[in-house]
Amino acid sequence: MTAAHTDPADKKPARAGWRAALSTVVFGLLLGGFAVEATARWVLDRGMDFDLEMWKYARDLKRVSANPAIGHEHQPGTSGTYMGVPVRINSQGLRDREFAPAPPAGVTRVVMLGDSVTFGWGVRDADTPSKLLESALNTGLARPAWEVMNTGVGNYNTAMEVAWFFDHGPQLKPDIVVLNYFINDAEPTPRRKEAGWRQHSYAAVMFYSAIDKVDRQYFGKADWKRYYGDLYRVDAPGWRAAQQAVGRLARWCRENNVRLLIANYPELHALKPYPFQPVTDAVAQMAAANNVPFVDLRPGVEALKPETLWVSPTDAHPNRTANLRFAAQLRQAVLQSAPGTTPAPNLRIH
């Protein structure tokens, strides 16, 4: 009996069919992915989604810092439009005009350290806390006597801000340093890496943002009140790092005859009653422990409806209205901390 013989040519149609099916699937996936990405970019993106705009800002204007303690920093000479607002980064890596290495004779220089609130997320250059403070300080003067430098960077915490200052701040020749504090500044320093594939996809950003929101609302991930409260546990690493950073900055300022002021910005979702007063008190105690004047900026806005202070209905960063109120309080605090004055120890300014 002769064994059955299969002609190799008989397998060719099957192989060709399998390859055609696989090619069809791959092509369909690629086409579907392209359609999803195109929809995210040109249909869903209206230029006012917080997560997407913050991602664009990080992608376009930031780079990984050579100092791991800083994490990321602005890329000098870059620009873009975010939340409908133009943003330009100068040659010094600041969202501000260009500054001389030292202030002109007779001019007091204020360096504002901070995060996206100080940076002025969602507002124009002139409406950032730094520029409104500069305008308020110089109002009525025959010639400008104050320079206020905006060194705020989005997604910084206090430890990162202080690390940035020790790399760059002394060269700016400040007379006064204002450490602008927001409730999330006790977060641990993130591990920032070079961009991966996700950071080139609008659809991926929207997808992971949606997953995070659903997780928070329906599956027990800490809500914002509980999340912020947990940052200030005694054993919380970010809060310990923030306190250590403030102590280091306070010592440097005393040794170099530079005035230091800590300004606390309120979380703008609820102002009266304010759910985070214990956090404000903890920051005030940190300032007092370092003999640093402290100003609580909530009284300037607590009589207003919170939503009137936001840059958009879904983004509670301070708008121009809020920043004007903050600048008025900061003006008083800065004048009381100016060179030539004698601020009382543990001064708490309201």
C-alpha atoms as a PDB file:
ATOM      1  CA  MET A   1       0.000   0.000   0.000  1.00  0.00           C
ATOM      2  CA  THR A   2       1.406   3.302  -1.009  1.00  0.00           C
ATOM      3  CA  ALA A   3       1.440   6.207   1.505  1.00  0.00           C
ATOM      4  CA  ALA A   4      -0.730   9.172   0.582  1.00  0.00           C
ATOM      5  CA  HIS A   5       1.215  12.028  -0.886  1.00  0.00           C
ATOM      6  CA  THR A   6       0.285  15.692  -0.309  1.00  0.00           C
ATOM      7  CA  ASP A   7       1.473  18.138  -2.908  1.00  0.00           C
ATOM      8  CA  PRO A   8       3.076  21.264  -1.262  1.00  0.00           C
ATOM      9  CA  ALA A   9       1.272  23.287  -3.874  1.00  0.00           C
ATOM     10  CA  ASP A  10      -2.010  22.316  -2.183  1.00  0.00           C
ATOM     11  CA  LYS A  11      -0.968  24.331   0.947  1.00  0.00           C
ATOM     12  CA  LYS A  12      -0.402  27.569  -0.942  1.00  0.00           C
ATOM     13  CA  PRO A  13      -4.058  28.669  -1.116  1.00  0.00           C
ATOM     14  CA  ALA A  14      -4.467  28.075   2.653  1.00  0.00           C
ATOM     15  CA  ARG A  15      -1.348  30.077   3.465  1.00  0.00           C
ATOM     16  CA  ALA A  16      -2.390  32.876   1.157  1.00  0.00           C
ATOM     17  CA  GLY A  17      -5.842  32.986   2.741  1.00  0.00           C
ATOM     18  CA  TRP A  18      -4.373  33.117   6.279  1.00  0.00           C
ATOM     19  CA  ARG A  19      -2.016  35.935   5.323  1.00  0.00           C
ATOM     20  CA  ALA A  20      -4.809  37.876   3.630  1.00  0.00           C
ATOM     21  CA  ALA A  21      -6.994  37.525   6.749  1.00  0.00           C
ATOM     22  CA  LEU A  22      -4.147  38.667   9.028  1.00  0.00           C
ATOM     23  CA  SER A  23      -3.412  41.625   6.761  1.00  0.00           C
ATOM     24  CA  THR A  24      -7.078  42.580   6.819  1.00  0.00           C
ATOM     25  CA  VAL A  25      -7.147  42.467  10.640  1.00  0.00           C
ATOM     26  CA  VAL A  26      -3.946  44.500  10.972  1.00  0.00           C
ATOM     27  CA  PHE A  27      -5.141  47.036   8.423  1.00  0.00           C
ATOM     28  CA  GLY A  28      -8.487  47.294  10.229  1.00  0.00           C
ATOM     29  CA  LEU A  29      -6.775  47.872  13.570  1.00  0.00           C
ATOM     30  CA  LEU A  30      -4.494  50.530  12.099  1.00  0.00           C
ATOM     31  CA  LEU A  31      -7.389  52.224  10.364  1.00  0.00           C
ATOM     32  CA  GLY A  32      -9.499  52.097  13.521  1.00  0.00           C
ATOM     33  CA  GLY A  33      -6.628  53.493  15.609  1.00  0.00           C
ATOM     34  CA  PHE A  34      -6.110  56.290  13.123  1.00  0.00           C
ATOM     35  CA  ALA A  35      -9.832  57.094  13.192  1.00  0.00           C
ATOM     36  CA  VAL A  36      -9.877  57.188  17.010  1.00  0.00           C
ATOM     37  CA  GLU A  37      -6.787  59.407  17.123  1.00  0.00           C
ATOM     38  CA  ALA A  38      -8.145  61.698  14.409  1.00  0.00           C
ATOM     39  CA  THR A  39     -11.447  62.014  16.273  1.00  0.00           C
ATOM     40  CA  ALA A  40      -9.614  62.877  19.510  1.00  0.00           C
ATOM     41  CA  ARG A  41      -7.456  65.494  17.794  1.00  0.00           C
ATOM     42  CA  TRP A  42      -9.900  67.203  15.457  1.00  0.00           C
ATOM     43  CA  VAL A  43     -13.354  66.563  16.910  1.00  0.00           C
ATOM     44  CA  LEU A  44     -13.122  66.074  20.696  1.00  0.00           C
ATOM     45  CA  ASP A  45     -10.241  68.474  21.396  1.00  0.00           C
ATOM     46  CA  ARG A  46     -11.772  71.915  21.928  1.00  0.00           C
ATOM     47  CA  GLY A  47      -8.651  73.403  23.509  1.00  0.00           C
ATOM     48  CA  MET A  48     -10.211  73.642  26.978  1.00  0.00           C
ATOM     49  CA  ASP A  49      -9.884  70.130  28.451  1.00  0.00           C
ATOM     50  CA  PHE A  50      -7.634  70.423  31.510  1.00  0.00           C
ATOM     51  CA  ASP A  51      -5.910  67.029  31.265  1.00  0.00           C
ATOM     52  CA  LEU A  52      -5.300  67.311  27.546  1.00  0.00           C
ATOM     53  CA  GLU A  53      -4.066  70.901  27.716  1.00  0.00           C
ATOM     54  CA  MET A  54      -1.748  70.152  30.637  1.00  0.00           C
ATOM     55  CA  TRP A  55      -0.352  67.211  28.658  1.00  0.00           C
ATOM     56  CA  LYS A  56       0.286  69.459  25.633  1.00  0.00           C
ATOM     57  CA  TYR A  57       2.024  71.986  27.870  1.00  0.00           C
ATOM     58  CA  ALA A  58       4.306  69.286  29.289  1.00  0.00           C
ATOM     59  CA  ARG A  59       4.977  67.878  25.815  1.00  0.00           C
ATOM     60  CA  ASP A  60       5.705  71.225  24.158  1.00  0.00           C
ATOM     61  CA  LEU A  61       7.327  73.399  26.820  1.00  0.00           C
ATOM     62  CA  LYS A  62       9.056  71.070  29.274  1.00  0.00           C
ATOM     63  CA  ARG A  63      12.139  68.899  29.317  1.00  0.00           C
ATOM     64  CA  VAL A  64      13.677  66.476  31.800  1.00  0.00           C
ATOM     65  CA  SER A  65      15.993  68.336  34.171  1.00  0.00           C
ATOM     66  CA  ALA A  66      19.597  67.270  34.654  1.00  0.00           C
ATOM     67  CA  ASN A  67      18.885  67.560  38.393  1.00  0.00           C
ATOM     68  CA  PRO A  68      16.682  64.643  39.531  1.00  0.00           C
ATOM     69  CA  ALA A  69      15.470  66.712  42.504  1.00  0.00           C
ATOM     70  CA  ILE A  70      13.908  69.174  40.028  1.00  0.00           C
ATOM     71  CA  GLY A  71      12.480  66.464  37.776  1.00  0.00           C
ATOM     72  CA  HIS A  72      11.352  68.630  34.866  1.00  0.00           C
ATOM     73  CA  GLU A  73      11.788  72.245  33.834  1.00  0.00           C
ATOM     74  CA  HIS A  74      10.765  74.648  31.115  1.00  0.00           C
ATOM     75  CA  GLN A  75      12.510  74.484  27.759  1.00  0.00           C
ATOM     76  CA  PRO A  76      13.817  78.035  27.124  1.00  0.00           C
ATOM     77  CA  GLY A  77      12.524  79.824  24.043  1.00  0.00           C
ATOM     78  CA  THR A  78       9.380  77.722  23.571  1.00  0.00           C
ATOM     79  CA  SER A  79       5.775  78.815  23.204  1.00  0.00           C
ATOM     80  CA  GLY A  80       2.240  77.550  22.642  1.00  0.00           C
ATOM     81  CA  THR A  81      -1.425  78.121  23.374  1.00  0.00           C
ATOM     82  CA  TYR A  82      -3.095  76.240  26.246  1.00  0.00           C
ATOM     83  CA  MET A  83      -6.621  76.656  27.632  1.00  0.00           C
ATOM     84  CA  GLY A  84      -7.008  79.297  24.914  1.00  0.00           C
ATOM     85  CA  VAL A  85      -4.161  81.375  26.340  1.00  0.00           C
ATOM     86  CA  PRO A  86      -0.780  82.102  24.698  1.00  0.00           C
ATOM     87  CA  VAL A  87       2.259  81.083  26.732  1.00  0.00           C
ATOM     88  CA  ARG A  88       5.872  82.020  25.992  1.00  0.00           C
ATOM     89  CA  ILE A  89       8.947  80.804  27.888  1.00  0.00           C
ATOM     90  CA  ASN A  90      11.891  83.217  27.872  1.00  0.00           C
ATOM     91  CA  SER A  91      15.591  82.412  27.523  1.00  0.00           C
ATOM     92  CA  GLN A  92      15.837  81.936  31.312  1.00  0.00           C
ATOM     93  CA  GLY A  93      13.144  79.251  31.322  1.00  0.00           C
ATOM     94  CA  LEU A  94      10.532  81.551  32.853  1.00  0.00           C
ATOM     95  CA  ARG A  95       7.040  82.509  31.768  1.00  0.00           C
ATOM     96  CA  ASP A  96       8.004  86.168  31.860  1.00  0.00           C
ATOM     97  CA  ARG A  97       9.878  88.888  30.038  1.00  0.00           C
ATOM     98  CA  GLU A  98      13.663  88.860  29.879  1.00  0.00           C
ATOM     99  CA  PHE A  99      15.502  90.093  32.989  1.00  0.00           C
ATOM    100  CA  ALA A 100      18.993  91.497  33.485  1.00  0.00           C
ATOM    101  CA  PRO A 101      21.335  89.431  35.679  1.00  0.00           C
ATOM    102  CA  ALA A 102      20.784  91.893  38.541  1.00  0.00           C
ATOM    103  CA  PRO A 103      18.002  94.395  39.210  1.00  0.00           C
ATOM    104  CA  PRO A 104      18.632  98.046  38.259  1.00  0.00           C
ATOM    105  CA  ALA A 105      19.762 100.428  40.964  1.00  0.00           C
ATOM    106  CA  GLY A 106      16.891 101.371  43.248  1.00  0.00           C
ATOM    107  CA  VAL A 107      14.732  98.413  42.163  1.00  0.00           C
ATOM    108  CA  THR A 108      13.714  95.647  44.570  1.00  0.00           C
ATOM    109  CA  ARG A 109      13.549  92.223  42.958  1.00  0.00           C
ATOM    110  CA  VAL A 110      10.964  89.669  44.098  1.00  0.00           C
ATOM    111  CA  VAL A 111      11.301  86.031  42.978  1.00  0.00           C
ATOM    112  CA  MET A 112       8.039  84.088  43.017  1.00  0.00           C
ATOM    113  CA  LEU A 113       8.471  80.329  43.460  1.00  0.00           C
ATOM    114  CA  GLY A 114       5.505  78.079  42.789  1.00  0.00           C
ATOM    115  CA  ASP A 115       3.574  75.607  40.676  1.00  0.00           C
ATOM    116  CA  SER A 116       0.858  76.005  38.038  1.00  0.00           C
ATOM    117  CA  VAL A 117      -1.000  78.541  40.205  1.00  0.00           C
ATOM    118  CA  THR A 118       2.067  80.805  40.236  1.00  0.00           C
ATOM    119  CA  PHE A 119       2.776  80.000  36.580  1.00  0.00           C
ATOM    120  CA  GLY A 120      -0.694  81.345  35.802  1.00  0.00           C
ATOM    121  CA  TRP A 121      -2.365  78.315  34.238  1.00  0.00           C
ATOM    122  CA  GLY A 122      -5.290  79.444  32.106  1.00  0.00           C
ATOM    123  CA  VAL A 123      -4.646  83.198  32.334  1.00  0.00           C
ATOM    124  CA  ARG A 124      -2.657  85.616  30.198  1.00  0.00           C
ATOM    125  CA  ASP A 125       0.820  86.786  31.191  1.00  0.00           C
ATOM    126  CA  ALA A 126      -0.472  90.082  32.568  1.00  0.00           C
ATOM    127  CA  ASP A 127      -3.012  88.267  34.764  1.00  0.00           C
ATOM    128  CA  THR A 128      -0.594  85.954  36.565  1.00  0.00           C
ATOM    129  CA  PRO A 129      -0.093  86.598  40.294  1.00  0.00           C
ATOM    130  CA  SER A 130       3.462  87.788  39.631  1.00  0.00           C
ATOM    131  CA  LYS A 131       2.567  90.425  37.042  1.00  0.00           C
ATOM    132  CA  LEU A 132      -0.485  91.648  38.950  1.00  0.00           C
ATOM    133  CA  LEU A 133       1.678  91.962  42.075  1.00  0.00           C
ATOM    134  CA  GLU A 134       4.343  93.839  40.119  1.00  0.00           C
ATOM    135  CA  SER A 135       1.715  96.236  38.783  1.00  0.00           C
ATOM    136  CA  ALA A 136       0.221  96.754  42.247  1.00  0.00           C
ATOM    137  CA  LEU A 137       3.634  97.471  43.795  1.00  0.00           C
ATOM    138  CA  ASN A 138       4.529 100.018  41.103  1.00  0.00           C
ATOM    139  CA  THR A 139       1.148 101.769  40.940  1.00  0.00           C
ATOM    140  CA  GLY A 140       1.475 105.467  41.703  1.00  0.00           C
ATOM    141  CA  LEU A 141       5.277 105.506  41.502  1.00  0.00           C
ATOM    142  CA  ALA A 142       7.056 107.952  39.197  1.00  0.00           C
ATOM    143  CA  ARG A 143       9.277 105.094  37.987  1.00  0.00           C
ATOM    144  CA  PRO A 144       9.126 101.339  38.587  1.00  0.00           C
ATOM    145  CA  ALA A 145      10.780 100.375  41.861  1.00  0.00           C
ATOM    146  CA  TRP A 146       9.827  96.692  41.848  1.00  0.00           C
ATOM    147  CA  GLU A 147      10.522  93.668  39.638  1.00  0.00           C
ATOM    148  CA  VAL A 148       8.548  90.489  40.221  1.00  0.00           C
ATOM    149  CA  MET A 149       9.850  87.362  38.489  1.00  0.00           C
ATOM    150  CA  ASN A 150       7.479  84.492  37.707  1.00  0.00           C
ATOM    151  CA  THR A 151       9.433  81.247  38.136  1.00  0.00           C
ATOM    152  CA  GLY A 152       6.332  79.040  38.502  1.00  0.00           C
ATOM    153  CA  VAL A 153       6.308  75.686  36.706  1.00  0.00           C
ATOM    154  CA  GLY A 154       3.271  73.454  36.319  1.00  0.00           C
ATOM    155  CA  ASN A 155       3.292  70.227  38.381  1.00  0.00           C
ATOM    156  CA  TYR A 156       6.027  71.370  40.737  1.00  0.00           C
ATOM    157  CA  ASN A 157       5.844  70.657  44.444  1.00  0.00           C
ATOM    158  CA  THR A 158       7.627  72.589  47.192  1.00  0.00           C
ATOM    159  CA  ALA A 159      10.675  70.317  47.192  1.00  0.00           C
ATOM    160  CA  MET A 160      11.070  70.756  43.424  1.00  0.00           C
ATOM    161  CA  GLU A 161      10.618  74.535  43.658  1.00  0.00           C
ATOM    162  CA  VAL A 162      13.338  74.801  46.283  1.00  0.00           C
ATOM    163  CA  ALA A 163      15.644  72.501  44.294  1.00  0.00           C
ATOM    164  CA  TRP A 164      15.073  74.739  41.257  1.00  0.00           C
ATOM    165  CA  PHE A 165      15.873  77.807  43.350  1.00  0.00           C
ATOM    166  CA  PHE A 166      19.200  76.436  44.534  1.00  0.00           C
ATOM    167  CA  ASP A 167      20.173  75.677  40.941  1.00  0.00           C
ATOM    168  CA  HIS A 168      19.022  79.029  39.503  1.00  0.00           C
ATOM    169  CA  GLY A 169      17.740  81.413  42.164  1.00  0.00           C
ATOM    170  CA  PRO A 170      20.966  82.855  43.597  1.00  0.00           C
ATOM    171  CA  GLN A 171      21.971  84.045  40.098  1.00  0.00           C
ATOM    172  CA  LEU A 172      18.726  86.041  39.924  1.00  0.00           C
ATOM    173  CA  LYS A 173      19.908  88.269  42.815  1.00  0.00           C
ATOM    174  CA  PRO A 174      16.587  88.350  44.695  1.00  0.00           C
ATOM    175  CA  ASP A 175      15.863  90.784  47.504  1.00  0.00           C
ATOM    176  CA  ILE A 176      12.684  88.919  48.452  1.00  0.00           C
ATOM    177  CA  VAL A 177      11.630  85.330  47.770  1.00  0.00           C
ATOM    178  CA  VAL A 178       7.940  84.430  47.925  1.00  0.00           C
ATOM    179  CA  LEU A 179       7.260  80.723  48.273  1.00  0.00           C
ATOM    180  CA  ASN A 180       3.739  80.381  46.862  1.00  0.00           C
ATOM    181  CA  TYR A 181       2.139  77.337  48.451  1.00  0.00           C
ATOM    182  CA  PHE A 182      -0.825  75.294  47.207  1.00  0.00           C
ATOM    183  CA  ILE A 183      -2.393  72.297  48.922  1.00  0.00           C
ATOM    184  CA  ASN A 184      -0.965  69.723  46.480  1.00  0.00           C
ATOM    185  CA  ASP A 185       2.602  70.968  47.005  1.00  0.00           C
ATOM    186  CA  ALA A 186       3.075  68.168  49.550  1.00  0.00           C
ATOM    187  CA  GLU A 187       2.802  65.541  46.815  1.00  0.00           C
ATOM    188  CA  PRO A 188       5.904  63.353  46.337  1.00  0.00           C
ATOM    189  CA  THR A 189       8.221  64.362  43.517  1.00  0.00           C
ATOM    190  CA  PRO A 190       7.171  62.436  40.360  1.00  0.00           C
ATOM    191  CA  ARG A 191       9.637  60.349  38.408  1.00  0.00           C
ATOM    192  CA  ARG A 192       9.597  62.084  35.054  1.00  0.00           C
ATOM    193  CA  LYS A 193      10.907  60.151  32.067  1.00  0.00           C
ATOM    194  CA  GLU A 194      11.467  60.946  28.429  1.00  0.00           C
ATOM    195  CA  ALA A 195       8.284  60.814  26.344  1.00  0.00           C
ATOM    196  CA  GLY A 196       6.933  57.371  25.455  1.00  0.00           C
ATOM    197  CA  TRP A 197       4.380  56.465  22.826  1.00  0.00           C
ATOM    198  CA  ARG A 198       1.444  57.428  25.050  1.00  0.00           C
ATOM    199  CA  GLN A 199       2.723  60.973  25.238  1.00  0.00           C
ATOM    200  CA  HIS A 200       2.237  61.368  21.492  1.00  0.00           C
ATOM    201  CA  SER A 201      -1.393  60.274  21.450  1.00  0.00           C
ATOM    202  CA  TYR A 202      -4.351  62.544  22.154  1.00  0.00           C
ATOM    203  CA  ALA A 203      -6.634  59.521  22.332  1.00  0.00           C
ATOM    204  CA  ALA A 204      -4.449  57.812  24.966  1.00  0.00           C
ATOM    205  CA  VAL A 205      -4.467  60.920  27.161  1.00  0.00           C
ATOM    206  CA  MET A 206      -8.246  61.182  26.933  1.00  0.00           C
ATOM    207  CA  PHE A 207      -8.676  57.451  27.605  1.00  0.00           C
ATOM    208  CA  TYR A 208      -6.504  57.350  30.734  1.00  0.00           C
ATOM    209  CA  SER A 209      -8.044  60.592  32.000  1.00  0.00           C
ATOM    210  CA  ALA A 210     -11.520  59.073  31.640  1.00  0.00           C
ATOM    211  CA  ILE A 211     -10.427  55.871  33.402  1.00  0.00           C
ATOM    212  CA  ASP A 212      -9.031  57.905  36.308  1.00  0.00           C
ATOM    213  CA  LYS A 213     -12.265  59.897  36.674  1.00  0.00           C
ATOM    214  CA  VAL A 214     -14.420  56.755  36.644  1.00  0.00           C
ATOM    215  CA  ASP A 215     -12.065  55.081  39.119  1.00  0.00           C
ATOM    216  CA  ARG A 216     -12.355  58.016  41.511  1.00  0.00           C
ATOM    217  CA  GLN A 217     -16.126  58.235  41.272  1.00  0.00           C
ATOM    218  CA  TYR A 218     -17.210  54.593  41.268  1.00  0.00           C
ATOM    219  CA  PHE A 219     -14.402  52.293  42.421  1.00  0.00           C
ATOM    220  CA  GLY A 220     -13.132  53.796  45.647  1.00  0.00           C
ATOM    221  CA  LYS A 221     -10.061  55.731  44.534  1.00  0.00           C
ATOM    222  CA  ALA A 222      -9.531  58.542  47.034  1.00  0.00           C
ATOM    223  CA  ASP A 223     -11.679  61.574  46.299  1.00  0.00           C
ATOM    224  CA  TRP A 224     -10.018  64.986  46.243  1.00  0.00           C
ATOM    225  CA  LYS A 225     -10.836  65.877  49.872  1.00  0.00           C
ATOM    226  CA  ARG A 226      -9.520  62.610  51.260  1.00  0.00           C
ATOM    227  CA  TYR A 227      -6.576  62.701  48.854  1.00  0.00           C
ATOM    228  CA  TYR A 228      -5.457  66.149  49.996  1.00  0.00           C
ATOM    229  CA  GLY A 229      -5.941  65.269  53.650  1.00  0.00           C
ATOM    230  CA  ASP A 230      -3.766  62.162  53.309  1.00  0.00           C
ATOM    231  CA  LEU A 231      -0.907  64.257  51.938  1.00  0.00           C
ATOM    232  CA  TYR A 232      -0.514  65.860  55.390  1.00  0.00           C
ATOM    233  CA  ARG A 233      -0.225  62.763  57.546  1.00  0.00           C
ATOM    234  CA  VAL A 234       2.751  63.010  59.875  1.00  0.00           C
ATOM    235  CA  ASP A 235       4.469  60.172  58.045  1.00  0.00           C
ATOM    236  CA  ALA A 236       3.620  61.362  54.505  1.00  0.00           C
ATOM    237  CA  PRO A 237       6.923  61.490  52.557  1.00  0.00           C
ATOM    238  CA  GLY A 238       5.949  64.462  50.384  1.00  0.00           C
ATOM    239  CA  TRP A 239       5.019  66.586  53.401  1.00  0.00           C
ATOM    240  CA  ARG A 240       8.262  65.680  55.166  1.00  0.00           C
ATOM    241  CA  ALA A 241      10.213  66.627  52.034  1.00  0.00           C
ATOM    242  CA  ALA A 242       8.331  69.938  51.798  1.00  0.00           C
ATOM    243  CA  GLN A 243       9.169  70.833  55.387  1.00  0.00           C
ATOM    244  CA  GLN A 244      12.828  69.963  54.900  1.00  0.00           C
ATOM    245  CA  ALA A 245      12.958  72.048  51.720  1.00  0.00           C
ATOM    246  CA  VAL A 246      11.405  75.078  53.438  1.00  0.00           C
ATOM    247  CA  GLY A 247      13.899  74.779  56.295  1.00  0.00           C
ATOM    248  CA  ARG A 248      16.781  74.726  53.816  1.00  0.00           C
ATOM    249  CA  LEU A 249      15.430  77.721  51.890  1.00  0.00           C
ATOM    250  CA  ALA A 250      14.826  79.700  55.096  1.00  0.00           C
ATOM    251  CA  ARG A 251      18.405  79.109  56.267  1.00  0.00           C
ATOM    252  CA  TRP A 252      19.831  80.236  52.916  1.00  0.00           C
ATOM    253  CA  CYS A 253      17.726  83.397  52.914  1.00  0.00           C
ATOM    254  CA  ARG A 254      18.826  84.323  56.462  1.00  0.00           C
ATOM    255  CA  GLU A 255      22.483  83.694  55.629  1.00  0.00           C
ATOM    256  CA  ASN A 256      22.260  85.809  52.463  1.00  0.00           C
ATOM    257  CA  ASN A 257      20.145  88.669  53.840  1.00  0.00           C
ATOM    258  CA  VAL A 258      17.205  87.800  51.563  1.00  0.00           C
ATOM    259  CA  ARG A 259      13.676  88.147  52.904  1.00  0.00           C
ATOM    260  CA  LEU A 260      11.445  85.066  52.630  1.00  0.00           C
ATOM    261  CA  LEU A 261       7.648  85.018  52.694  1.00  0.00           C
ATOM    262  CA  ILE A 262       5.269  82.037  52.441  1.00  0.00           C
ATOM    263  CA  ALA A 263       1.911  82.697  50.758  1.00  0.00           C
ATOM    264  CA  ASN A 264      -0.817  80.057  50.998  1.00  0.00           C
ATOM    265  CA  TYR A 265      -3.357  79.854  48.146  1.00  0.00           C
ATOM    266  CA  PRO A 266      -6.783  78.337  48.871  1.00  0.00           C
ATOM    267  CA  GLU A 267      -8.260  75.347  47.081  1.00  0.00           C
ATOM    268  CA  LEU A 268     -11.109  77.044  45.213  1.00  0.00           C
ATOM    269  CA  HIS A 269     -13.833  74.395  45.177  1.00  0.00           C
ATOM    270  CA  ALA A 270     -15.238  75.384  48.569  1.00  0.00           C
ATOM    271  CA  LEU A 271     -14.272  78.513  50.499  1.00  0.00           C
ATOM    272  CA  LYS A 272     -16.753  79.064  53.317  1.00  0.00           C
ATOM    273  CA  PRO A 273     -16.710  76.876  55.309  1.00  0.00           C
ATOM    274  CA  TYR A 274     -13.269  75.852  54.113  1.00  0.00           C
ATOM    275  CA  PRO A 275     -12.625  72.093  54.294  1.00  0.00           C
ATOM    276  CA  PHE A 276      -8.832  72.413  54.408  1.00  0.00           C
ATOM    277  CA  GLN A 277      -8.247  74.811  57.282  1.00  0.00           C
ATOM    278  CA  PRO A 278      -6.117  72.169  59.091  1.00  0.00           C
ATOM    279  CA  VAL A 279      -3.785  72.145  56.077  1.00  0.00           C
ATOM    280  CA  THR A 280      -3.521  75.937  56.104  1.00  0.00           C
ATOM    281  CA  ASP A 281      -2.723  75.788  59.823  1.00  0.00           C
ATOM    282  CA  ALA A 282      -0.043  73.155  59.198  1.00  0.00           C
ATOM    283  CA  VAL A 283       1.619  75.342  56.556  1.00  0.00           C
ATOM    284  CA  ALA A 284       1.425  78.353  58.897  1.00  0.00           C
ATOM    285  CA  GLN A 285       3.080  76.294  61.634  1.00  0.00           C
ATOM    286  CA  MET A 286       5.828  75.283  59.208  1.00  0.00           C
ATOM    287  CA  ALA A 287       6.422  78.975  58.444  1.00  0.00           C
ATOM    288  CA  ALA A 288       6.452  79.863  62.149  1.00  0.00           C
ATOM    289  CA  ALA A 289       8.936  77.086  62.918  1.00  0.00           C
ATOM    290  CA  ASN A 290      11.326  78.745  60.454  1.00  0.00           C
ATOM    291  CA  ASN A 291      10.549  82.338  61.575  1.00  0.00           C
ATOM    292  CA  VAL A 292       9.126  83.118  58.124  1.00  0.00           C
ATOM    293  CA  PRO A 293       6.196  85.536  57.655  1.00  0.00           C
ATOM    294  CA  PHE A 294       3.064  83.768  56.425  1.00  0.00           C
ATOM    295  CA  VAL A 295       0.077  85.145  54.502  1.00  0.00           C
ATOM    296  CA  ASP A 296      -3.186  83.261  54.061  1.00  0.00           C
ATOM    297  CA  LEU A 297      -4.796  84.385  50.795  1.00  0.00           C
ATOM    298  CA  ARG A 298      -8.216  82.814  51.368  1.00  0.00           C
ATOM    299  CA  PRO A 299      -9.739  85.841  53.166  1.00  0.00           C
ATOM    300  CA  GLY A 300      -9.377  87.865  49.968  1.00  0.00           C
ATOM    301  CA  VAL A 301     -11.738  85.576  48.041  1.00  0.00           C
ATOM    302  CA  GLU A 302     -13.859  83.732  50.604  1.00  0.00           C
ATOM    303  CA  ALA A 303     -16.874  86.042  50.132  1.00  0.00           C
ATOM    304  CA  LEU A 304     -17.078  85.201  46.406  1.00  0.00           C
ATOM    305  CA  LYS A 305     -18.729  82.206  44.786  1.00  0.00           C
ATOM    306  CA  PRO A 306     -16.011  79.639  44.029  1.00  0.00           C
ATOM    307  CA  GLU A 307     -17.018  79.107  40.392  1.00  0.00           C
ATOM    308  CA  THR A 308     -16.541  82.821  39.676  1.00  0.00           C
ATOM    309  CA  LEU A 309     -12.849  82.378  40.481  1.00  0.00           C
ATOM    310  CA  TRP A 310     -12.075  79.480  38.106  1.00  0.00           C
ATOM    311  CA  VAL A 311     -10.432  79.661  34.686  1.00  0.00           C
ATOM    312  CA  SER A 312     -13.153  77.370  33.294  1.00  0.00           C
ATOM    313  CA  PRO A 313     -16.201  75.461  34.588  1.00  0.00           C
ATOM    314  CA  THR A 314     -14.068  72.303  34.862  1.00  0.00           C
ATOM    315  CA  ASP A 315     -10.734  73.850  35.903  1.00  0.00           C
ATOM    316  CA  ALA A 316     -10.482  75.485  39.332  1.00  0.00           C
ATOM    317  CA  HIS A 317      -7.151  77.222  38.731  1.00  0.00           C
ATOM    318  CA  PRO A 318      -7.462  80.912  39.725  1.00  0.00           C
ATOM    319  CA  ASN A 319      -8.663  83.309  37.037  1.00  0.00           C
ATOM    320  CA  ARG A 320      -7.920  87.031  36.761  1.00  0.00           C
ATOM    321  CA  THR A 321     -10.555  87.909  39.363  1.00  0.00           C
ATOM    322  CA  ALA A 322      -8.960  85.594  41.922  1.00  0.00           C
ATOM    323  CA  ASN A 323      -5.417  86.674  41.079  1.00  0.00           C
ATOM    324  CA  LEU A 324      -6.307  90.343  41.481  1.00  0.00           C
ATOM    325  CA  ARG A 325      -7.501  89.608  45.025  1.00  0.00           C
ATOM    326  CA  PHE A 326      -4.396  87.557  45.748  1.00  0.00           C
ATOM    327  CA  ALA A 327      -2.087  90.262  44.376  1.00  0.00           C
ATOM    328  CA  ALA A 328      -3.657  92.891  46.643  1.00  0.00           C
ATOM    329  CA  GLN A 329      -2.929  90.748  49.711  1.00  0.00           C
ATOM    330  CA  LEU A 330       0.541  89.853  48.466  1.00  0.00           C
ATOM    331  CA  ARG A 331       1.337  93.533  47.980  1.00  0.00           C
ATOM    332  CA  GLN A 332       0.679  94.214  51.655  1.00  0.00           C
ATOM    333  CA  ALA A 333       2.699  91.176  52.727  1.00  0.00           C
ATOM    334  CA  VAL A 334       5.650  92.008  50.459  1.00  0.00           C
ATOM    335  CA  LEU A 335       5.769  95.603  51.654  1.00  0.00           C
ATOM    336  CA  GLN A 336       5.830  94.380  55.258  1.00  0.00           C
ATOM    337  CA  SER A 337       8.684  92.012  54.387  1.00  0.00           C
ATOM    338  CA  ALA A 338      10.676  94.469  52.248  1.00  0.00           C
ATOM    339  CA  PRO A 339      14.333  95.284  52.977  1.00  0.00           C
ATOM    340  CA  GLY A 340      14.509  98.059  55.544  1.00  0.00           C
ATOM    341  CA  THR A 341      11.476  96.806  57.462  1.00  0.00           C
ATOM    342  CA  THR A 342      11.554  94.684  60.586  1.00  0.00           C
ATOM    343  CA  PRO A 343       8.886  91.994  60.332  1.00  0.00           C
ATOM    344  CA  ALA A 344       7.859  90.531  63.662  1.00  0.00           C
ATOM    345  CA  PRO A 345       8.892  86.913  64.295  1.00  0.00           C
ATOM    346  CA  ASN A 346       6.197  84.373  63.365  1.00  0.00           C
ATOM    347  CA  LEU A 347       4.257  87.137  61.582  1.00  0.00           C
ATOM    348  CA  ARG A 348       0.930  85.878  60.198  1.00  0.00           C
ATOM    349  CA  ILE A 349      -0.532  88.339  57.731  1.00  0.00           C
ATOM    350  CA  HIS A 350      -4.217  88.285  56.729  1.00  0.00           C
END
